Every structure is written in structure tokens, then in C-alpha cells.
Amino acid sequence: MKGMDVQAEATKESAALGSADILRILAALPHRYPFLMVDKIVGIEGDKKAIGIKNVSANEPHFQGHFPENPVMPGVLILEGMAQTAGTICLLERQEDGPPSLVYFMTIDKAKFRRPVVPGDVLEYHMTQMTKRRNMWWFRGEAKVDGQIVAEAEVGAMIARGAAK
């Protein structure tokens, strides 16, 4: 229930702040299923902070091999979801004319995994900007399920303008 309370609270806040549904995320990022790791972003405050939401489903392809009898979401995909959340808000903040921009993952630091994420969980990526320099951003992220931290990390990304598709 706690996770639903946090999600409902974040949804209320997003009315005053900003949000991005799946269509807006798809317009900003080049990622597609099965590698898109965020379903919605709420509580967007420019490129300063946001909460990405991922509904973890048993029929996602990584659960076929990780692990069939005890499905656990791979930690690297949790980190990818954090990066996609941060990258989306950076791209939305910079909306520019001209060739599309891409966000490239640069760094992962201080990554820690606290408990497994399993099918049925609602994963929240709480991302907060640490610093920004020209076309580079660094974020601190906490992934939470039911209000409990399941993973945390610092991630860095760079926007490349007019990248080839």
C-alpha cells in the first residue's frame, strides 16, 4: 500500500510540476521495448529532479533467464531505468529545433543493491541532479519499491546533439 500512496502523492505533485507519459518518453528517448525501463515520469522539476515509474511485469524477457524459478530484475536494468529517467528530463528541458539529440550514459558510481525487485513490484526511480556542466549532467538516484530503497547510484550522462540514427 505504501508504494501506491507514494505514487498517488507523486501524481498529485505532478499536476503542479510536470509529467511525461509513455508517448512523451518515447518521443524523447530512442529506447524501445524490451529495453525501455520507464513507463511514466512524474514530479518533474525541469532537469533538477523527477520520479520515473516502472511497472515490473512477469512477462518481461529478462525474467526467462534471470531466474526462471525465482525471477529477479537484473540490477543493471534498474540502473538503466535510473539513467533513462534522468536522460528524459534532460532532453525535455533542452527541447531544441534541429536534428534530434541522444543521451549517452557516461558514468555509474556508488551503485548499491539493497533487495531484489520482482514481478508485481512498482519501481520508482527518484532522480536528483547533483551538478550540470554544458551538455553533461550527474544525478543521484534511489530506486524504491513500497517506499523502501532497493538500489542507489550516482549516474552521469552527456547529450550529443544531432546524433545519427
N, C-alpha and C. Protein backbone atom coordinates (compact mmCIF):
# COMPACT_ATOMS: atom_id res chain seq x y z
N MET A 1 0.80 -1.19 0.00
CA MET A 1 0.00 0.00 0.00
C MET A 1 0.85 1.27 0.00
N LYS A 2 2.00 1.20 0.72
CA LYS A 2 2.86 2.37 0.80
C LYS A 2 3.26 2.86 -0.57
N GLY A 3 3.65 1.95 -1.47
CA GLY A 3 4.07 2.31 -2.82
C GLY A 3 2.97 3.03 -3.57
N MET A 4 1.73 2.57 -3.37
CA MET A 4 0.60 3.21 -4.04
C MET A 4 0.39 4.62 -3.47
N ASP A 5 0.59 4.79 -2.14
CA ASP A 5 0.46 6.11 -1.54
C ASP A 5 1.51 7.06 -2.11
N VAL A 6 2.75 6.58 -2.24
CA VAL A 6 3.83 7.41 -2.79
C VAL A 6 3.51 7.77 -4.23
N GLN A 7 3.02 6.77 -5.00
CA GLN A 7 2.69 7.03 -6.40
C GLN A 7 1.53 8.02 -6.51
N ALA A 8 0.51 7.89 -5.65
CA ALA A 8 -0.62 8.81 -5.69
C ALA A 8 -0.16 10.22 -5.31
N GLU A 9 0.70 10.31 -4.30
CA GLU A 9 1.24 11.60 -3.88
C GLU A 9 2.08 12.22 -5.00
N ALA A 10 2.91 11.40 -5.65
CA ALA A 10 3.73 11.90 -6.76
C ALA A 10 2.86 12.35 -7.92
N THR A 11 1.74 11.63 -8.15
CA THR A 11 0.84 12.01 -9.24
C THR A 11 0.18 13.35 -8.94
N LYS A 12 -0.21 13.59 -7.68
CA LYS A 12 -0.78 14.89 -7.30
C LYS A 12 0.23 16.00 -7.51
N GLU A 13 1.48 15.75 -7.09
CA GLU A 13 2.54 16.75 -7.26
C GLU A 13 2.78 17.04 -8.73
N SER A 14 2.66 16.01 -9.58
CA SER A 14 2.97 16.19 -11.00
C SER A 14 2.02 17.17 -11.67
N ALA A 15 0.81 17.31 -11.12
CA ALA A 15 -0.12 18.28 -11.68
C ALA A 15 0.46 19.69 -11.53
N ALA A 16 1.13 19.94 -10.42
CA ALA A 16 1.73 21.25 -10.19
C ALA A 16 3.10 21.35 -10.86
N LEU A 17 3.78 20.24 -10.99
CA LEU A 17 5.11 20.24 -11.59
C LEU A 17 4.96 19.83 -13.05
N GLY A 18 5.58 18.74 -13.43
CA GLY A 18 5.45 18.26 -14.79
C GLY A 18 5.43 16.75 -14.80
N SER A 19 4.93 16.19 -15.87
CA SER A 19 4.93 14.74 -16.00
C SER A 19 5.15 14.38 -17.46
N ALA A 20 5.51 13.13 -17.66
CA ALA A 20 5.71 12.61 -19.01
C ALA A 20 5.08 11.22 -19.08
N ASP A 21 4.09 11.07 -19.94
CA ASP A 21 3.52 9.75 -20.14
C ASP A 21 4.40 8.97 -21.11
N ILE A 22 4.00 7.76 -21.42
CA ILE A 22 4.84 6.89 -22.26
C ILE A 22 5.07 7.51 -23.65
N LEU A 23 4.09 8.21 -24.20
CA LEU A 23 4.27 8.80 -25.53
C LEU A 23 5.33 9.90 -25.51
N ARG A 24 5.33 10.69 -24.46
CA ARG A 24 6.34 11.75 -24.33
C ARG A 24 7.74 11.16 -24.12
N ILE A 25 7.82 10.07 -23.36
CA ILE A 25 9.10 9.39 -23.13
C ILE A 25 9.61 8.82 -24.45
N LEU A 26 8.73 8.16 -25.20
CA LEU A 26 9.13 7.58 -26.49
C LEU A 26 9.58 8.66 -27.48
N ALA A 27 8.99 9.85 -27.39
CA ALA A 27 9.39 10.94 -28.28
C ALA A 27 10.78 11.47 -27.91
N ALA A 28 11.15 11.37 -26.63
CA ALA A 28 12.44 11.90 -26.18
C ALA A 28 13.57 10.89 -26.31
N LEU A 29 13.29 9.62 -25.99
CA LEU A 29 14.34 8.59 -25.97
C LEU A 29 14.29 7.69 -27.20
N PRO A 30 15.42 7.15 -27.61
CA PRO A 30 15.42 6.19 -28.73
C PRO A 30 15.08 4.77 -28.27
N HIS A 31 15.06 4.50 -26.98
CA HIS A 31 14.84 3.16 -26.45
C HIS A 31 13.43 2.67 -26.76
N ARG A 32 13.31 1.38 -27.02
CA ARG A 32 12.03 0.73 -27.27
C ARG A 32 12.00 -0.60 -26.53
N TYR A 33 10.79 -1.17 -26.41
CA TYR A 33 10.65 -2.47 -25.79
C TYR A 33 11.55 -3.46 -26.54
N PRO A 34 12.25 -4.33 -25.85
CA PRO A 34 12.19 -4.62 -24.41
C PRO A 34 13.19 -3.83 -23.57
N PHE A 35 13.81 -2.79 -24.13
CA PHE A 35 14.85 -2.09 -23.37
C PHE A 35 14.39 -0.77 -22.75
N LEU A 36 13.14 -0.40 -22.92
CA LEU A 36 12.64 0.80 -22.27
C LEU A 36 12.30 0.44 -20.83
N MET A 37 12.95 1.09 -19.87
CA MET A 37 12.84 0.71 -18.46
C MET A 37 12.07 1.71 -17.62
N VAL A 38 11.30 2.60 -18.25
CA VAL A 38 10.48 3.55 -17.51
C VAL A 38 9.16 3.73 -18.27
N ASP A 39 8.04 3.66 -17.52
CA ASP A 39 6.72 3.75 -18.12
C ASP A 39 6.11 5.15 -18.03
N LYS A 40 6.53 5.91 -17.01
CA LYS A 40 5.94 7.22 -16.76
C LYS A 40 6.92 8.00 -15.88
N ILE A 41 6.91 9.31 -16.02
CA ILE A 41 7.73 10.16 -15.15
C ILE A 41 6.82 11.22 -14.55
N VAL A 42 6.89 11.38 -13.23
CA VAL A 42 6.06 12.36 -12.52
C VAL A 42 6.95 13.27 -11.68
N GLY A 43 6.37 14.35 -11.22
CA GLY A 43 7.09 15.26 -10.34
C GLY A 43 8.30 15.90 -10.98
N ILE A 44 8.22 16.15 -12.28
CA ILE A 44 9.36 16.72 -13.00
C ILE A 44 9.54 18.19 -12.61
N GLU A 45 10.74 18.53 -12.17
CA GLU A 45 11.13 19.92 -11.89
C GLU A 45 12.27 20.28 -12.84
N GLY A 46 11.91 20.60 -14.09
CA GLY A 46 12.93 20.91 -15.10
C GLY A 46 13.88 19.74 -15.24
N ASP A 47 15.20 20.03 -15.20
CA ASP A 47 16.18 18.95 -15.23
C ASP A 47 16.77 18.73 -13.83
N LYS A 48 16.08 19.23 -12.80
CA LYS A 48 16.58 19.14 -11.42
C LYS A 48 16.22 17.84 -10.73
N LYS A 49 14.96 17.38 -10.89
CA LYS A 49 14.55 16.14 -10.25
C LYS A 49 13.27 15.61 -10.86
N ALA A 50 13.04 14.32 -10.64
CA ALA A 50 11.84 13.66 -11.13
C ALA A 50 11.76 12.26 -10.54
N ILE A 51 10.59 11.65 -10.70
CA ILE A 51 10.39 10.27 -10.28
C ILE A 51 9.92 9.48 -11.50
N GLY A 52 10.73 8.51 -11.93
CA GLY A 52 10.34 7.61 -13.00
C GLY A 52 9.63 6.41 -12.41
N ILE A 53 8.64 5.89 -13.11
CA ILE A 53 7.89 4.75 -12.61
C ILE A 53 7.96 3.61 -13.62
N LYS A 54 8.28 2.42 -13.12
CA LYS A 54 8.35 1.20 -13.94
C LYS A 54 7.48 0.14 -13.28
N ASN A 55 6.48 -0.33 -14.00
CA ASN A 55 5.66 -1.44 -13.52
C ASN A 55 6.33 -2.74 -13.95
N VAL A 56 6.83 -3.48 -12.99
CA VAL A 56 7.59 -4.70 -13.27
C VAL A 56 6.62 -5.84 -13.52
N SER A 57 6.72 -6.43 -14.71
CA SER A 57 5.79 -7.48 -15.14
C SER A 57 6.51 -8.82 -15.33
N ALA A 58 5.83 -9.89 -14.98
CA ALA A 58 6.40 -11.24 -15.09
C ALA A 58 6.70 -11.64 -16.53
N ASN A 59 6.06 -11.02 -17.51
CA ASN A 59 6.28 -11.43 -18.90
C ASN A 59 7.38 -10.63 -19.59
N GLU A 60 8.23 -9.92 -18.83
CA GLU A 60 9.37 -9.24 -19.44
C GLU A 60 10.43 -10.29 -19.77
N PRO A 61 11.11 -10.13 -20.92
CA PRO A 61 12.01 -11.18 -21.41
C PRO A 61 13.18 -11.54 -20.50
N HIS A 62 13.70 -10.61 -19.71
CA HIS A 62 14.86 -10.94 -18.87
C HIS A 62 14.51 -11.94 -17.77
N PHE A 63 13.23 -12.05 -17.41
CA PHE A 63 12.85 -13.00 -16.36
C PHE A 63 12.91 -14.45 -16.84
N GLN A 64 12.96 -14.68 -18.15
CA GLN A 64 13.07 -16.05 -18.66
C GLN A 64 14.40 -16.69 -18.26
N GLY A 65 15.43 -15.86 -18.10
CA GLY A 65 16.73 -16.42 -17.75
C GLY A 65 17.30 -15.89 -16.45
N HIS A 66 16.58 -14.97 -15.78
CA HIS A 66 17.14 -14.33 -14.56
C HIS A 66 16.07 -14.26 -13.48
N PHE A 67 15.71 -15.18 -12.82
CA PHE A 67 15.97 -16.61 -12.90
C PHE A 67 14.61 -17.28 -13.04
N PRO A 68 14.46 -18.27 -13.91
CA PRO A 68 13.12 -18.82 -14.22
C PRO A 68 12.31 -19.26 -13.00
N GLU A 69 12.95 -19.89 -12.04
CA GLU A 69 12.22 -20.37 -10.86
C GLU A 69 12.10 -19.32 -9.76
N ASN A 70 12.88 -18.25 -9.85
CA ASN A 70 12.88 -17.18 -8.85
C ASN A 70 13.19 -15.87 -9.56
N PRO A 71 12.23 -15.30 -10.32
CA PRO A 71 12.52 -14.13 -11.15
C PRO A 71 12.96 -12.90 -10.35
N VAL A 72 14.10 -12.34 -10.74
CA VAL A 72 14.67 -11.16 -10.12
C VAL A 72 15.08 -10.21 -11.24
N MET A 73 14.69 -8.93 -11.13
CA MET A 73 15.08 -7.94 -12.14
C MET A 73 16.58 -7.69 -12.04
N PRO A 74 17.32 -7.81 -13.14
CA PRO A 74 18.77 -7.56 -13.10
C PRO A 74 19.09 -6.14 -12.64
N GLY A 75 20.06 -6.01 -11.76
CA GLY A 75 20.46 -4.71 -11.22
C GLY A 75 20.85 -3.73 -12.30
N VAL A 76 21.50 -4.22 -13.35
CA VAL A 76 21.92 -3.32 -14.42
C VAL A 76 20.72 -2.68 -15.11
N LEU A 77 19.57 -3.37 -15.14
CA LEU A 77 18.37 -2.79 -15.74
C LEU A 77 17.74 -1.74 -14.83
N ILE A 78 17.91 -1.92 -13.52
CA ILE A 78 17.45 -0.89 -12.58
C ILE A 78 18.27 0.38 -12.80
N LEU A 79 19.59 0.22 -12.94
CA LEU A 79 20.45 1.37 -13.21
C LEU A 79 20.10 2.02 -14.54
N GLU A 80 19.79 1.21 -15.53
CA GLU A 80 19.38 1.74 -16.84
C GLU A 80 18.09 2.55 -16.71
N GLY A 81 17.15 2.09 -15.90
CA GLY A 81 15.92 2.83 -15.67
C GLY A 81 16.18 4.18 -15.02
N MET A 82 17.14 4.21 -14.08
CA MET A 82 17.53 5.48 -13.47
C MET A 82 18.08 6.42 -14.53
N ALA A 83 18.97 5.90 -15.37
CA ALA A 83 19.59 6.71 -16.41
C ALA A 83 18.55 7.20 -17.43
N GLN A 84 17.60 6.34 -17.80
CA GLN A 84 16.57 6.74 -18.75
C GLN A 84 15.67 7.84 -18.17
N THR A 85 15.37 7.75 -16.88
CA THR A 85 14.57 8.79 -16.24
C THR A 85 15.32 10.12 -16.28
N ALA A 86 16.58 10.10 -15.86
CA ALA A 86 17.39 11.33 -15.86
C ALA A 86 17.57 11.86 -17.29
N GLY A 87 17.86 10.97 -18.23
CA GLY A 87 18.06 11.40 -19.61
C GLY A 87 16.82 12.02 -20.21
N THR A 88 15.67 11.47 -19.89
CA THR A 88 14.42 12.02 -20.43
C THR A 88 14.20 13.45 -19.95
N ILE A 89 14.39 13.70 -18.65
CA ILE A 89 14.14 15.06 -18.17
C ILE A 89 15.17 16.05 -18.72
N CYS A 90 16.39 15.58 -18.96
CA CYS A 90 17.40 16.46 -19.59
C CYS A 90 16.97 16.83 -21.00
N LEU A 91 16.53 15.85 -21.77
CA LEU A 91 16.10 16.11 -23.15
C LEU A 91 14.85 16.98 -23.19
N LEU A 92 13.90 16.73 -22.29
CA LEU A 92 12.68 17.54 -22.26
C LEU A 92 13.00 18.99 -21.91
N GLU A 93 13.95 19.19 -21.03
CA GLU A 93 14.34 20.54 -20.62
C GLU A 93 15.01 21.30 -21.77
N ARG A 94 15.76 20.59 -22.61
CA ARG A 94 16.53 21.22 -23.69
C ARG A 94 15.79 21.29 -25.00
N GLN A 95 14.53 21.02 -25.06
CA GLN A 95 13.81 20.95 -26.33
C GLN A 95 14.32 22.00 -27.30
N GLU A 96 14.93 21.52 -28.38
CA GLU A 96 15.54 22.40 -29.37
C GLU A 96 15.07 22.01 -30.76
N ASP A 97 15.19 22.94 -31.69
CA ASP A 97 14.92 22.63 -33.09
C ASP A 97 16.18 22.01 -33.69
N GLY A 98 16.01 21.32 -34.80
CA GLY A 98 17.16 20.73 -35.47
C GLY A 98 17.21 19.23 -35.28
N PRO A 99 18.35 18.63 -35.62
CA PRO A 99 18.49 17.18 -35.52
C PRO A 99 18.25 16.71 -34.08
N PRO A 100 17.69 15.51 -33.90
CA PRO A 100 17.41 15.02 -32.55
C PRO A 100 18.70 14.79 -31.77
N SER A 101 18.59 14.94 -30.47
CA SER A 101 19.73 14.70 -29.59
C SER A 101 19.58 13.34 -28.95
N LEU A 102 20.70 12.75 -28.59
CA LEU A 102 20.73 11.48 -27.86
C LEU A 102 21.45 11.68 -26.54
N VAL A 103 21.05 10.90 -25.54
CA VAL A 103 21.72 10.93 -24.24
C VAL A 103 22.58 9.69 -24.15
N TYR A 104 23.84 9.88 -23.80
CA TYR A 104 24.76 8.75 -23.62
C TYR A 104 25.15 8.65 -22.15
N PHE A 105 25.04 7.44 -21.62
CA PHE A 105 25.46 7.10 -20.28
C PHE A 105 26.97 7.29 -20.20
N MET A 106 27.48 8.03 -19.21
CA MET A 106 28.93 8.24 -19.08
C MET A 106 29.52 7.51 -17.87
N THR A 107 28.86 7.62 -16.72
CA THR A 107 29.43 7.05 -15.50
C THR A 107 28.35 6.43 -14.63
N ILE A 108 28.78 5.45 -13.85
CA ILE A 108 27.98 4.87 -12.77
C ILE A 108 28.92 4.81 -11.58
N ASP A 109 28.53 5.44 -10.49
CA ASP A 109 29.35 5.43 -9.28
C ASP A 109 28.48 5.09 -8.07
N LYS A 110 29.11 4.51 -7.08
CA LYS A 110 28.48 4.24 -5.78
C LYS A 110 27.20 3.44 -5.91
N ALA A 111 27.16 2.50 -6.85
CA ALA A 111 25.97 1.67 -7.03
C ALA A 111 25.88 0.64 -5.90
N LYS A 112 24.69 0.54 -5.33
CA LYS A 112 24.43 -0.44 -4.28
C LYS A 112 23.05 -1.03 -4.50
N PHE A 113 22.94 -2.32 -4.25
CA PHE A 113 21.67 -3.01 -4.39
C PHE A 113 21.26 -3.54 -3.03
N ARG A 114 20.05 -3.17 -2.59
CA ARG A 114 19.60 -3.46 -1.23
C ARG A 114 18.71 -4.68 -1.12
N ARG A 115 17.84 -4.89 -2.11
CA ARG A 115 16.97 -6.06 -2.10
C ARG A 115 16.48 -6.33 -3.52
N PRO A 116 16.06 -7.57 -3.79
CA PRO A 116 15.60 -7.91 -5.14
C PRO A 116 14.31 -7.19 -5.54
N VAL A 117 14.19 -6.93 -6.83
CA VAL A 117 12.97 -6.39 -7.43
C VAL A 117 12.36 -7.54 -8.22
N VAL A 118 11.08 -7.80 -7.98
CA VAL A 118 10.43 -8.98 -8.57
C VAL A 118 9.16 -8.57 -9.32
N PRO A 119 8.65 -9.47 -10.17
CA PRO A 119 7.41 -9.17 -10.88
C PRO A 119 6.30 -8.77 -9.90
N GLY A 120 5.54 -7.75 -10.29
CA GLY A 120 4.47 -7.24 -9.45
C GLY A 120 4.86 -5.97 -8.70
N ASP A 121 6.18 -5.72 -8.60
CA ASP A 121 6.65 -4.52 -7.92
C ASP A 121 6.41 -3.29 -8.80
N VAL A 122 6.18 -2.15 -8.16
CA VAL A 122 6.16 -0.86 -8.84
C VAL A 122 7.47 -0.18 -8.43
N LEU A 123 8.36 -0.04 -9.38
CA LEU A 123 9.69 0.50 -9.14
C LEU A 123 9.68 1.99 -9.41
N GLU A 124 10.16 2.77 -8.46
CA GLU A 124 10.22 4.23 -8.59
C GLU A 124 11.68 4.66 -8.62
N TYR A 125 12.05 5.44 -9.64
CA TYR A 125 13.40 5.97 -9.76
C TYR A 125 13.38 7.43 -9.31
N HIS A 126 13.85 7.71 -8.12
CA HIS A 126 13.89 9.08 -7.59
C HIS A 126 15.24 9.68 -7.98
N MET A 127 15.22 10.57 -8.96
CA MET A 127 16.45 11.13 -9.51
C MET A 127 16.57 12.62 -9.16
N THR A 128 17.74 13.00 -8.65
CA THR A 128 18.01 14.38 -8.27
C THR A 128 19.33 14.82 -8.87
N GLN A 129 19.31 15.95 -9.57
CA GLN A 129 20.54 16.46 -10.20
C GLN A 129 21.55 16.87 -9.13
N MET A 130 22.78 16.41 -9.31
CA MET A 130 23.89 16.81 -8.43
C MET A 130 24.62 18.00 -9.02
N THR A 131 24.91 17.93 -10.31
CA THR A 131 25.62 19.02 -10.99
C THR A 131 25.37 18.93 -12.49
N LYS A 132 25.67 20.04 -13.16
CA LYS A 132 25.48 20.13 -14.61
C LYS A 132 26.61 20.99 -15.16
N ARG A 133 27.17 20.54 -16.27
CA ARG A 133 28.21 21.32 -16.94
C ARG A 133 27.99 21.19 -18.45
N ARG A 134 27.67 22.28 -19.11
CA ARG A 134 27.36 22.33 -20.55
C ARG A 134 26.35 21.24 -20.92
N ASN A 135 26.80 20.22 -21.65
CA ASN A 135 25.90 19.16 -22.11
C ASN A 135 26.03 17.88 -21.27
N MET A 136 26.53 18.02 -20.03
CA MET A 136 26.71 16.86 -19.16
C MET A 136 25.98 17.08 -17.84
N TRP A 137 25.38 16.00 -17.34
CA TRP A 137 24.64 16.01 -16.08
C TRP A 137 25.09 14.86 -15.21
N TRP A 138 25.03 15.07 -13.89
CA TRP A 138 25.25 13.99 -12.93
C TRP A 138 24.07 13.99 -11.97
N PHE A 139 23.53 12.80 -11.73
CA PHE A 139 22.35 12.63 -10.88
C PHE A 139 22.62 11.61 -9.78
N ARG A 140 21.96 11.82 -8.66
CA ARG A 140 21.90 10.84 -7.58
C ARG A 140 20.54 10.18 -7.70
N GLY A 141 20.53 8.85 -7.68
CA GLY A 141 19.27 8.14 -7.81
C GLY A 141 19.04 7.13 -6.71
N GLU A 142 17.79 7.02 -6.32
CA GLU A 142 17.36 5.97 -5.41
C GLU A 142 16.19 5.25 -6.07
N ALA A 143 16.32 3.95 -6.21
CA ALA A 143 15.21 3.14 -6.72
C ALA A 143 14.47 2.60 -5.50
N LYS A 144 13.14 2.77 -5.51
CA LYS A 144 12.34 2.37 -4.35
C LYS A 144 11.17 1.49 -4.78
N VAL A 145 10.81 0.56 -3.89
CA VAL A 145 9.60 -0.24 -4.02
C VAL A 145 8.89 -0.14 -2.68
N ASP A 146 7.64 0.25 -2.69
CA ASP A 146 6.86 0.42 -1.45
C ASP A 146 7.57 1.33 -0.46
N GLY A 147 8.23 2.37 -0.96
CA GLY A 147 8.89 3.34 -0.10
C GLY A 147 10.24 2.89 0.44
N GLN A 148 10.64 1.67 0.14
CA GLN A 148 11.92 1.13 0.62
C GLN A 148 12.97 1.20 -0.49
N ILE A 149 14.17 1.66 -0.17
CA ILE A 149 15.25 1.73 -1.16
C ILE A 149 15.68 0.31 -1.54
N VAL A 150 15.65 0.03 -2.84
CA VAL A 150 16.11 -1.27 -3.35
C VAL A 150 17.46 -1.15 -4.05
N ALA A 151 17.78 0.06 -4.53
CA ALA A 151 19.07 0.30 -5.18
C ALA A 151 19.34 1.80 -5.15
N GLU A 152 20.62 2.16 -5.26
CA GLU A 152 21.01 3.56 -5.33
C GLU A 152 22.28 3.68 -6.14
N ALA A 153 22.48 4.84 -6.73
CA ALA A 153 23.68 5.07 -7.53
C ALA A 153 23.77 6.54 -7.92
N GLU A 154 24.96 6.91 -8.36
CA GLU A 154 25.18 8.21 -9.00
C GLU A 154 25.47 7.90 -10.46
N VAL A 155 24.78 8.60 -11.36
CA VAL A 155 24.96 8.35 -12.80
C VAL A 155 25.28 9.67 -13.50
N GLY A 156 26.07 9.57 -14.56
CA GLY A 156 26.42 10.72 -15.37
C GLY A 156 26.01 10.47 -16.81
N ALA A 157 25.61 11.53 -17.49
CA ALA A 157 25.18 11.40 -18.88
C ALA A 157 25.59 12.63 -19.67
N MET A 158 25.66 12.44 -20.99
CA MET A 158 26.03 13.53 -21.89
C MET A 158 25.05 13.53 -23.06
N ILE A 159 24.64 14.73 -23.48
CA ILE A 159 23.78 14.86 -24.65
C ILE A 159 24.65 15.14 -25.86
N ALA A 160 24.42 14.36 -26.91
CA ALA A 160 25.10 14.57 -28.19
C ALA A 160 24.07 15.10 -29.17
N ARG A 161 24.23 16.32 -29.59
CA ARG A 161 23.27 16.96 -30.50
C ARG A 161 23.46 16.46 -31.92
N GLY A 162 22.33 16.16 -32.57
CA GLY A 162 22.36 15.76 -33.97
C GLY A 162 23.00 14.41 -34.20
N ALA A 163 22.88 13.51 -33.24
CA ALA A 163 23.46 12.18 -33.39
C ALA A 163 22.75 11.41 -34.48
N ALA A 164 23.50 10.57 -35.18
CA ALA A 164 22.93 9.77 -36.28
C ALA A 164 22.05 8.66 -35.71
N LYS A 165 21.02 8.31 -36.45
CA LYS A 165 20.12 7.23 -36.02
C LYS A 165 20.61 5.91 -36.53
